[in-house]
Amino acid sequence: MTEPRHPDVVAKELNDVNQLLQQHAEMVEKHPTDSLLRLSYEQFEYRKRQLLKELHLSLSIYFIGQVA
């Protein structure tokens, strides 16, 4: 198993994904019939969930390593 990335790196990517989600949400409101846009939004939501899991793991390992 590879070690998770540093929490700062994951948090930066999570911030980027959140910004993209916000932009996509606005575009979905303007173009509700665009199925590809909706699919893209769902993919970003999935990526956000994955990043949150990775951040949790990374923080757990990082802080356990700092305490030990």
Protein backbone atom coordinates (compact mmCIF):
# COMPACT_ATOMS: atom_id res chain seq x y z
CA MET A 1 0.00 0.00 0.00
CA THR A 2 1.31 3.44 -0.82
CA GLU A 3 1.33 6.09 1.84
CA PRO A 4 -1.35 8.76 1.57
CA ARG A 5 -0.35 12.19 0.43
CA HIS A 6 0.41 14.95 2.92
CA PRO A 7 -2.78 16.51 4.38
CA ASP A 8 -1.91 19.93 2.92
CA VAL A 9 -1.75 18.51 -0.59
CA VAL A 10 -5.07 16.71 -0.22
CA ALA A 11 -6.71 19.79 1.32
CA LYS A 12 -5.53 21.93 -1.61
CA GLU A 13 -7.00 19.49 -4.12
CA LEU A 14 -10.21 19.32 -2.09
CA ASN A 15 -10.45 23.11 -2.19
CA ASP A 16 -10.00 23.04 -5.97
CA VAL A 17 -12.72 20.40 -6.34
CA ASN A 18 -15.08 22.44 -4.15
CA GLN A 19 -14.58 25.45 -6.41
CA LEU A 20 -15.26 23.34 -9.49
CA LEU A 21 -18.38 21.92 -7.86
CA GLN A 22 -19.67 25.40 -7.17
CA GLN A 23 -19.06 26.46 -10.77
CA HIS A 24 -20.69 23.30 -12.10
CA ALA A 25 -23.72 23.78 -9.84
CA GLU A 26 -24.24 27.23 -11.33
CA MET A 27 -23.89 25.85 -14.85
CA VAL A 28 -26.31 22.99 -14.14
CA GLU A 29 -28.89 25.56 -12.98
CA LYS A 30 -28.47 27.49 -16.24
CA HIS A 31 -28.51 24.35 -18.41
CA PRO A 32 -30.67 21.75 -16.60
CA THR A 33 -31.06 19.52 -19.68
CA ASP A 34 -27.32 19.09 -20.28
CA SER A 35 -26.74 15.49 -19.23
CA LEU A 36 -22.96 15.63 -19.74
CA LEU A 37 -22.70 18.63 -17.45
CA ARG A 38 -24.74 16.80 -14.81
CA LEU A 39 -22.51 13.74 -15.19
CA SER A 40 -19.42 15.90 -14.77
CA TYR A 41 -20.93 17.39 -11.60
CA GLU A 42 -21.58 13.89 -10.23
CA GLN A 43 -17.99 12.88 -11.00
CA PHE A 44 -16.70 15.89 -9.05
CA GLU A 45 -18.98 14.95 -6.14
CA TYR A 46 -17.52 11.44 -6.20
CA ARG A 47 -13.98 12.84 -6.31
CA LYS A 48 -14.79 15.05 -3.32
CA ARG A 49 -15.96 12.02 -1.31
CA GLN A 50 -12.76 10.16 -2.21
CA LEU A 51 -10.61 13.14 -1.22
CA LEU A 52 -12.41 13.44 2.12
CA LYS A 53 -11.63 9.79 2.84
CA GLU A 54 -8.01 10.31 1.81
CA LEU A 55 -7.75 13.43 3.97
CA HIS A 56 -9.11 11.56 6.98
CA LEU A 57 -6.58 8.77 6.50
CA SER A 58 -3.75 11.22 5.87
CA LEU A 59 -4.56 13.24 8.98
CA SER A 60 -4.76 10.07 11.06
CA ILE A 61 -1.36 8.87 9.89
CA TYR A 62 0.25 12.31 9.97
CA PHE A 63 -0.86 13.12 13.52
CA ILE A 64 -0.12 9.64 14.85
CA GLY A 65 3.37 10.01 13.39
CA GLN A 66 3.77 13.42 15.02
CA VAL A 67 2.63 12.18 18.45
CA ALA A 68 4.71 8.99 18.46
